[in-house]
Amino acid sequence: MERQIHLQNQMRERQMAMQVAKTREMLFWIGSFYILATFAMISRYRKTKNSSTLAPIVPFSFFIAYQADLAYGSKLTRIKNEAENILEYETQLIHLPNGVPTAQSIDQARQRQHEEQRIRKVHELYI
């Protein structure tokens, strides 16, 4: 049992590492787009003197900051801490509807499904 727990934890850690690596790679591409788009907006502003051409810089900046914090900052630590707080102080948020499935409820659901399939086959024969 302990070995299985360690295996699951290693798999979880590898998945998290892949997510962080994916975020870092995405940040590289989005950051490049952000720089090019910002230069294009500034260039357009200089030609037209229309300040609304600079408006997209603000939401883009927030998006880039969020991605950078997720990829290289402490966002994952803050998310982990918030998850721990939820598990400790707000457990009502994570309870499953109708509680945790039992072996009996799973067997009953499987039996109902089997019965429905049998009825469907019989119904198809007569149609």
N, C-alpha and C. Protein backbone atom coordinates (compact mmCIF):
# COMPACT_ATOMS: atom_id res chain seq x y z
N MET A 1 0.82 -1.19 0.00
CA MET A 1 0.00 0.00 0.00
C MET A 1 0.87 1.26 0.00
N GLU A 2 1.92 1.24 0.84
CA GLU A 2 2.80 2.40 0.91
C GLU A 2 3.50 2.64 -0.42
N ARG A 3 3.86 1.55 -1.08
CA ARG A 3 4.52 1.66 -2.38
C ARG A 3 3.59 2.32 -3.41
N GLN A 4 2.32 1.95 -3.37
CA GLN A 4 1.35 2.54 -4.29
C GLN A 4 1.18 4.03 -4.01
N ILE A 5 1.18 4.42 -2.74
CA ILE A 5 1.07 5.84 -2.39
C ILE A 5 2.26 6.61 -2.94
N HIS A 6 3.46 6.05 -2.78
CA HIS A 6 4.65 6.72 -3.31
C HIS A 6 4.61 6.81 -4.83
N LEU A 7 4.13 5.76 -5.48
CA LEU A 7 4.02 5.77 -6.93
C LEU A 7 3.05 6.86 -7.39
N GLN A 8 1.90 6.95 -6.73
CA GLN A 8 0.92 7.98 -7.09
C GLN A 8 1.48 9.37 -6.85
N ASN A 9 2.23 9.54 -5.78
CA ASN A 9 2.82 10.84 -5.49
C ASN A 9 3.85 11.21 -6.54
N GLN A 10 4.68 10.25 -6.95
CA GLN A 10 5.65 10.54 -8.01
C GLN A 10 4.96 10.90 -9.31
N MET A 11 3.89 10.21 -9.64
CA MET A 11 3.15 10.53 -10.86
C MET A 11 2.56 11.94 -10.77
N ARG A 12 2.02 12.30 -9.60
CA ARG A 12 1.47 13.64 -9.41
C ARG A 12 2.56 14.69 -9.56
N GLU A 13 3.73 14.43 -8.97
CA GLU A 13 4.84 15.38 -9.08
C GLU A 13 5.29 15.54 -10.53
N ARG A 14 5.33 14.47 -11.26
CA ARG A 14 5.73 14.55 -12.67
C ARG A 14 4.71 15.32 -13.50
N GLN A 15 3.43 15.11 -13.20
CA GLN A 15 2.39 15.85 -13.91
C GLN A 15 2.48 17.34 -13.60
N MET A 16 2.75 17.67 -12.35
CA MET A 16 2.90 19.08 -11.97
C MET A 16 4.12 19.69 -12.66
N ALA A 17 5.22 18.94 -12.72
CA ALA A 17 6.42 19.43 -13.40
C ALA A 17 6.13 19.67 -14.88
N MET A 18 5.36 18.79 -15.48
CA MET A 18 4.99 18.98 -16.89
C MET A 18 4.13 20.23 -17.05
N GLN A 19 3.21 20.47 -16.13
CA GLN A 19 2.37 21.66 -16.20
C GLN A 19 3.20 22.94 -16.08
N VAL A 20 4.15 22.95 -15.14
CA VAL A 20 5.01 24.13 -14.98
C VAL A 20 5.84 24.33 -16.24
N ALA A 21 6.41 23.25 -16.77
CA ALA A 21 7.20 23.35 -18.00
C ALA A 21 6.34 23.86 -19.16
N LYS A 22 5.11 23.38 -19.25
CA LYS A 22 4.20 23.82 -20.30
C LYS A 22 3.89 25.31 -20.15
N THR A 23 3.68 25.75 -18.92
CA THR A 23 3.40 27.16 -18.67
C THR A 23 4.59 28.02 -19.05
N ARG A 24 5.79 27.56 -18.73
CA ARG A 24 7.00 28.31 -19.09
C ARG A 24 7.16 28.41 -20.60
N GLU A 25 6.90 27.32 -21.29
CA GLU A 25 7.00 27.34 -22.75
C GLU A 25 5.95 28.26 -23.35
N MET A 26 4.75 28.21 -22.81
CA MET A 26 3.67 29.07 -23.29
C MET A 26 4.01 30.54 -23.04
N LEU A 27 4.61 30.82 -21.89
CA LEU A 27 5.00 32.19 -21.57
C LEU A 27 6.00 32.72 -22.59
N PHE A 28 6.91 31.89 -23.03
CA PHE A 28 7.89 32.31 -24.04
C PHE A 28 7.18 32.78 -25.31
N TRP A 29 6.21 32.02 -25.77
CA TRP A 29 5.51 32.37 -27.01
C TRP A 29 4.57 33.55 -26.81
N ILE A 30 3.83 33.54 -25.73
CA ILE A 30 2.91 34.64 -25.46
C ILE A 30 3.68 35.93 -25.21
N GLY A 31 4.81 35.81 -24.50
CA GLY A 31 5.64 36.99 -24.25
C GLY A 31 6.17 37.59 -25.54
N SER A 32 6.57 36.73 -26.46
CA SER A 32 7.03 37.22 -27.76
C SER A 32 5.91 37.95 -28.50
N PHE A 33 4.73 37.36 -28.49
CA PHE A 33 3.58 38.01 -29.12
C PHE A 33 3.29 39.35 -28.45
N TYR A 34 3.35 39.38 -27.11
CA TYR A 34 3.08 40.60 -26.35
C TYR A 34 4.04 41.71 -26.76
N ILE A 35 5.31 41.38 -26.87
CA ILE A 35 6.31 42.39 -27.25
C ILE A 35 6.03 42.91 -28.66
N LEU A 36 5.80 42.01 -29.60
CA LEU A 36 5.52 42.44 -30.97
C LEU A 36 4.23 43.26 -31.05
N ALA A 37 3.20 42.81 -30.35
CA ALA A 37 1.93 43.54 -30.38
C ALA A 37 2.07 44.91 -29.74
N THR A 38 2.83 44.99 -28.66
CA THR A 38 3.03 46.28 -27.99
C THR A 38 3.76 47.25 -28.91
N PHE A 39 4.81 46.78 -29.57
CA PHE A 39 5.51 47.65 -30.51
C PHE A 39 4.59 48.09 -31.65
N ALA A 40 3.75 47.17 -32.13
CA ALA A 40 2.82 47.52 -33.20
C ALA A 40 1.80 48.56 -32.72
N MET A 41 1.30 48.41 -31.50
CA MET A 41 0.33 49.37 -30.97
C MET A 41 0.96 50.74 -30.76
N ILE A 42 2.19 50.75 -30.26
CA ILE A 42 2.88 52.04 -30.07
C ILE A 42 3.14 52.70 -31.41
N SER A 43 3.54 51.91 -32.39
CA SER A 43 3.77 52.44 -33.73
C SER A 43 2.48 53.01 -34.32
N ARG A 44 1.41 52.28 -34.15
CA ARG A 44 0.11 52.73 -34.65
C ARG A 44 -0.33 54.02 -33.93
N TYR A 45 -0.07 54.09 -32.64
CA TYR A 45 -0.42 55.29 -31.87
C TYR A 45 0.35 56.50 -32.39
N ARG A 46 1.62 56.31 -32.69
CA ARG A 46 2.43 57.43 -33.19
C ARG A 46 1.92 57.94 -34.53
N LYS A 47 1.39 57.03 -35.34
CA LYS A 47 0.87 57.45 -36.64
C LYS A 47 -0.49 58.13 -36.53
N THR A 48 -1.36 57.58 -35.69
CA THR A 48 -2.74 58.07 -35.65
C THR A 48 -3.03 59.01 -34.48
N LYS A 49 -2.20 58.99 -33.45
CA LYS A 49 -2.41 59.77 -32.22
C LYS A 49 -3.74 59.42 -31.56
N ASN A 50 -4.22 58.23 -31.83
CA ASN A 50 -5.46 57.73 -31.23
C ASN A 50 -5.07 56.85 -30.02
N SER A 51 -5.38 57.33 -28.83
CA SER A 51 -4.94 56.62 -27.62
C SER A 51 -5.66 55.28 -27.42
N SER A 52 -6.77 55.07 -28.08
CA SER A 52 -7.48 53.79 -27.92
C SER A 52 -6.69 52.63 -28.52
N THR A 53 -5.74 52.93 -29.39
CA THR A 53 -4.91 51.85 -29.95
C THR A 53 -4.00 51.25 -28.88
N LEU A 54 -3.77 51.97 -27.79
CA LEU A 54 -2.92 51.47 -26.70
C LEU A 54 -3.71 50.69 -25.65
N ALA A 55 -5.02 50.72 -25.72
CA ALA A 55 -5.87 50.09 -24.70
C ALA A 55 -5.59 48.60 -24.49
N PRO A 56 -5.34 47.81 -25.54
CA PRO A 56 -5.10 46.38 -25.30
C PRO A 56 -3.84 46.07 -24.50
N ILE A 57 -2.96 47.03 -24.35
CA ILE A 57 -1.74 46.78 -23.59
C ILE A 57 -2.06 46.43 -22.14
N VAL A 58 -3.07 47.06 -21.57
CA VAL A 58 -3.40 46.84 -20.15
C VAL A 58 -3.83 45.39 -19.88
N PRO A 59 -4.85 44.85 -20.57
CA PRO A 59 -5.22 43.46 -20.27
C PRO A 59 -4.11 42.47 -20.65
N PHE A 60 -3.39 42.75 -21.73
CA PHE A 60 -2.26 41.88 -22.10
C PHE A 60 -1.22 41.86 -20.98
N SER A 61 -0.98 43.01 -20.36
CA SER A 61 0.00 43.09 -19.28
C SER A 61 -0.42 42.24 -18.09
N PHE A 62 -1.70 42.29 -17.74
CA PHE A 62 -2.19 41.46 -16.64
C PHE A 62 -2.04 39.97 -16.96
N PHE A 63 -2.36 39.61 -18.19
CA PHE A 63 -2.26 38.22 -18.60
C PHE A 63 -0.81 37.74 -18.55
N ILE A 64 0.10 38.54 -19.06
CA ILE A 64 1.53 38.19 -19.04
C ILE A 64 2.03 38.09 -17.61
N ALA A 65 1.62 39.02 -16.76
CA ALA A 65 2.06 38.99 -15.35
C ALA A 65 1.56 37.72 -14.66
N TYR A 66 0.31 37.34 -14.94
CA TYR A 66 -0.24 36.12 -14.33
C TYR A 66 0.56 34.90 -14.80
N GLN A 67 0.81 34.81 -16.09
CA GLN A 67 1.55 33.66 -16.63
C GLN A 67 2.98 33.61 -16.09
N ALA A 68 3.63 34.77 -15.98
CA ALA A 68 4.99 34.82 -15.45
C ALA A 68 5.01 34.39 -13.98
N ASP A 69 4.02 34.83 -13.22
CA ASP A 69 3.94 34.44 -11.81
C ASP A 69 3.71 32.94 -11.69
N LEU A 70 2.90 32.39 -12.57
CA LEU A 70 2.63 30.96 -12.55
C LEU A 70 3.87 30.17 -12.96
N ALA A 71 4.59 30.66 -13.96
CA ALA A 71 5.74 29.93 -14.49
C ALA A 71 6.99 30.06 -13.62
N TYR A 72 7.24 31.26 -13.09
CA TYR A 72 8.50 31.49 -12.38
C TYR A 72 8.32 32.04 -10.97
N GLY A 73 7.13 32.44 -10.62
CA GLY A 73 6.90 33.07 -9.32
C GLY A 73 6.40 32.10 -8.28
N SER A 74 5.69 32.65 -7.32
CA SER A 74 5.22 31.84 -6.19
C SER A 74 3.73 31.51 -6.29
N LYS A 75 3.16 31.64 -7.47
CA LYS A 75 1.72 31.38 -7.63
C LYS A 75 1.36 29.95 -7.23
N LEU A 76 2.16 28.96 -7.63
CA LEU A 76 1.84 27.58 -7.29
C LEU A 76 1.87 27.36 -5.78
N THR A 77 2.78 28.04 -5.09
CA THR A 77 2.83 27.94 -3.63
C THR A 77 1.58 28.54 -3.02
N ARG A 78 1.15 29.68 -3.53
CA ARG A 78 -0.07 30.32 -3.02
C ARG A 78 -1.29 29.45 -3.30
N ILE A 79 -1.34 28.84 -4.47
CA ILE A 79 -2.46 27.94 -4.81
C ILE A 79 -2.46 26.74 -3.86
N LYS A 80 -1.28 26.17 -3.61
CA LYS A 80 -1.17 25.03 -2.70
C LYS A 80 -1.62 25.42 -1.30
N ASN A 81 -1.19 26.59 -0.83
CA ASN A 81 -1.60 27.05 0.51
C ASN A 81 -3.11 27.27 0.59
N GLU A 82 -3.68 27.82 -0.47
CA GLU A 82 -5.14 28.03 -0.49
C GLU A 82 -5.88 26.69 -0.48
N ALA A 83 -5.35 25.72 -1.22
CA ALA A 83 -5.96 24.38 -1.23
C ALA A 83 -5.89 23.75 0.17
N GLU A 84 -4.77 23.94 0.85
CA GLU A 84 -4.65 23.42 2.22
C GLU A 84 -5.65 24.09 3.15
N ASN A 85 -5.85 25.40 3.00
CA ASN A 85 -6.84 26.11 3.81
C ASN A 85 -8.25 25.58 3.55
N ILE A 86 -8.56 25.34 2.29
CA ILE A 86 -9.88 24.80 1.94
C ILE A 86 -10.07 23.42 2.57
N LEU A 87 -9.04 22.58 2.46
CA LEU A 87 -9.14 21.24 3.04
C LEU A 87 -9.30 21.29 4.55
N GLU A 88 -8.69 22.29 5.19
CA GLU A 88 -8.72 22.36 6.64
C GLU A 88 -9.95 23.09 7.18
N TYR A 89 -10.32 24.21 6.55
CA TYR A 89 -11.35 25.07 7.13
C TYR A 89 -12.65 25.13 6.34
N GLU A 90 -12.65 24.71 5.09
CA GLU A 90 -13.85 24.82 4.26
C GLU A 90 -14.19 23.49 3.60
N THR A 91 -14.20 22.44 4.37
CA THR A 91 -14.41 21.11 3.80
C THR A 91 -15.78 20.95 3.15
N GLN A 92 -16.74 21.78 3.54
CA GLN A 92 -18.07 21.66 2.94
C GLN A 92 -18.03 21.96 1.44
N LEU A 93 -17.01 22.65 0.97
CA LEU A 93 -16.89 22.97 -0.45
C LEU A 93 -16.49 21.77 -1.30
N ILE A 94 -15.89 20.78 -0.67
CA ILE A 94 -15.34 19.67 -1.45
C ILE A 94 -16.08 18.35 -1.25
N HIS A 95 -17.16 18.36 -0.48
CA HIS A 95 -17.92 17.13 -0.28
C HIS A 95 -18.64 16.75 -1.58
N LEU A 96 -18.65 15.46 -1.85
CA LEU A 96 -19.35 14.96 -3.03
C LEU A 96 -20.85 14.98 -2.79
N PRO A 97 -21.63 15.24 -3.83
CA PRO A 97 -23.08 15.14 -3.68
C PRO A 97 -23.45 13.69 -3.34
N ASN A 98 -24.34 13.50 -2.42
CA ASN A 98 -24.77 12.17 -1.95
C ASN A 98 -23.64 11.40 -1.25
N GLY A 99 -22.58 12.08 -0.85
CA GLY A 99 -21.51 11.43 -0.09
C GLY A 99 -20.57 10.60 -0.95
N VAL A 100 -19.68 9.90 -0.26
CA VAL A 100 -18.69 9.06 -0.94
C VAL A 100 -19.38 7.79 -1.43
N PRO A 101 -19.11 7.38 -2.67
CA PRO A 101 -19.73 6.15 -3.18
C PRO A 101 -19.28 4.94 -2.35
N THR A 102 -20.21 4.05 -2.10
CA THR A 102 -19.89 2.81 -1.39
C THR A 102 -19.87 1.67 -2.39
N ALA A 103 -19.34 0.55 -1.96
CA ALA A 103 -19.32 -0.63 -2.83
C ALA A 103 -20.74 -1.03 -3.20
N GLN A 104 -21.64 -0.90 -2.24
CA GLN A 104 -23.05 -1.26 -2.48
C GLN A 104 -23.68 -0.33 -3.52
N SER A 105 -23.45 0.98 -3.42
CA SER A 105 -24.05 1.91 -4.38
C SER A 105 -23.46 1.71 -5.78
N ILE A 106 -22.18 1.36 -5.85
CA ILE A 106 -21.56 1.09 -7.15
C ILE A 106 -22.16 -0.17 -7.76
N ASP A 107 -22.34 -1.21 -6.95
CA ASP A 107 -22.95 -2.45 -7.44
C ASP A 107 -24.38 -2.21 -7.91
N GLN A 108 -25.13 -1.41 -7.16
CA GLN A 108 -26.51 -1.10 -7.55
C GLN A 108 -26.55 -0.35 -8.88
N ALA A 109 -25.65 0.62 -9.04
CA ALA A 109 -25.61 1.38 -10.30
C ALA A 109 -25.23 0.47 -11.46
N ARG A 110 -24.28 -0.42 -11.23
CA ARG A 110 -23.87 -1.34 -12.29
C ARG A 110 -25.01 -2.28 -12.64
N GLN A 111 -25.74 -2.73 -11.63
CA GLN A 111 -26.88 -3.62 -11.86
C GLN A 111 -27.98 -2.90 -12.65
N ARG A 112 -28.26 -1.64 -12.29
CA ARG A 112 -29.26 -0.86 -13.03
C ARG A 112 -28.83 -0.69 -14.49
N GLN A 113 -27.56 -0.39 -14.69
CA GLN A 113 -27.06 -0.21 -16.05
C GLN A 113 -27.19 -1.50 -16.85
N HIS A 114 -26.85 -2.62 -16.24
CA HIS A 114 -26.96 -3.91 -16.91
C HIS A 114 -28.43 -4.20 -17.25
N GLU A 115 -29.32 -3.90 -16.33
CA GLU A 115 -30.75 -4.12 -16.55
C GLU A 115 -31.26 -3.24 -17.69
N GLU A 116 -30.83 -1.99 -17.73
CA GLU A 116 -31.24 -1.08 -18.80
C GLU A 116 -30.75 -1.56 -20.16
N GLN A 117 -29.52 -2.08 -20.21
CA GLN A 117 -29.00 -2.61 -21.47
C GLN A 117 -29.81 -3.83 -21.92
N ARG A 118 -30.16 -4.68 -20.98
CA ARG A 118 -30.96 -5.86 -21.30
C ARG A 118 -32.32 -5.45 -21.84
N ILE A 119 -32.95 -4.48 -21.19
CA ILE A 119 -34.27 -4.00 -21.64
C ILE A 119 -34.15 -3.36 -23.02
N ARG A 120 -33.09 -2.61 -23.26
CA ARG A 120 -32.88 -1.97 -24.56
C ARG A 120 -32.74 -3.01 -25.67
N LYS A 121 -32.02 -4.10 -25.38
CA LYS A 121 -31.86 -5.16 -26.38
C LYS A 121 -33.19 -5.81 -26.70
N VAL A 122 -33.97 -6.09 -25.66
CA VAL A 122 -35.29 -6.69 -25.86
C VAL A 122 -36.18 -5.73 -26.64
N HIS A 123 -36.11 -4.46 -26.30
CA HIS A 123 -36.92 -3.45 -26.97
C HIS A 123 -36.54 -3.36 -28.45
N GLU A 124 -35.25 -3.45 -28.76
CA GLU A 124 -34.79 -3.38 -30.15
C GLU A 124 -35.26 -4.59 -30.95
N LEU A 125 -35.37 -5.74 -30.29
CA LEU A 125 -35.84 -6.93 -30.98
C LEU A 125 -37.29 -6.79 -31.45
N TYR A 126 -38.10 -6.10 -30.67
CA TYR A 126 -39.52 -5.97 -30.99
C TYR A 126 -39.83 -4.76 -31.85
N ILE A 127 -38.86 -3.95 -32.12
CA ILE A 127 -39.13 -2.77 -32.95
C ILE A 127 -38.77 -3.00 -34.38
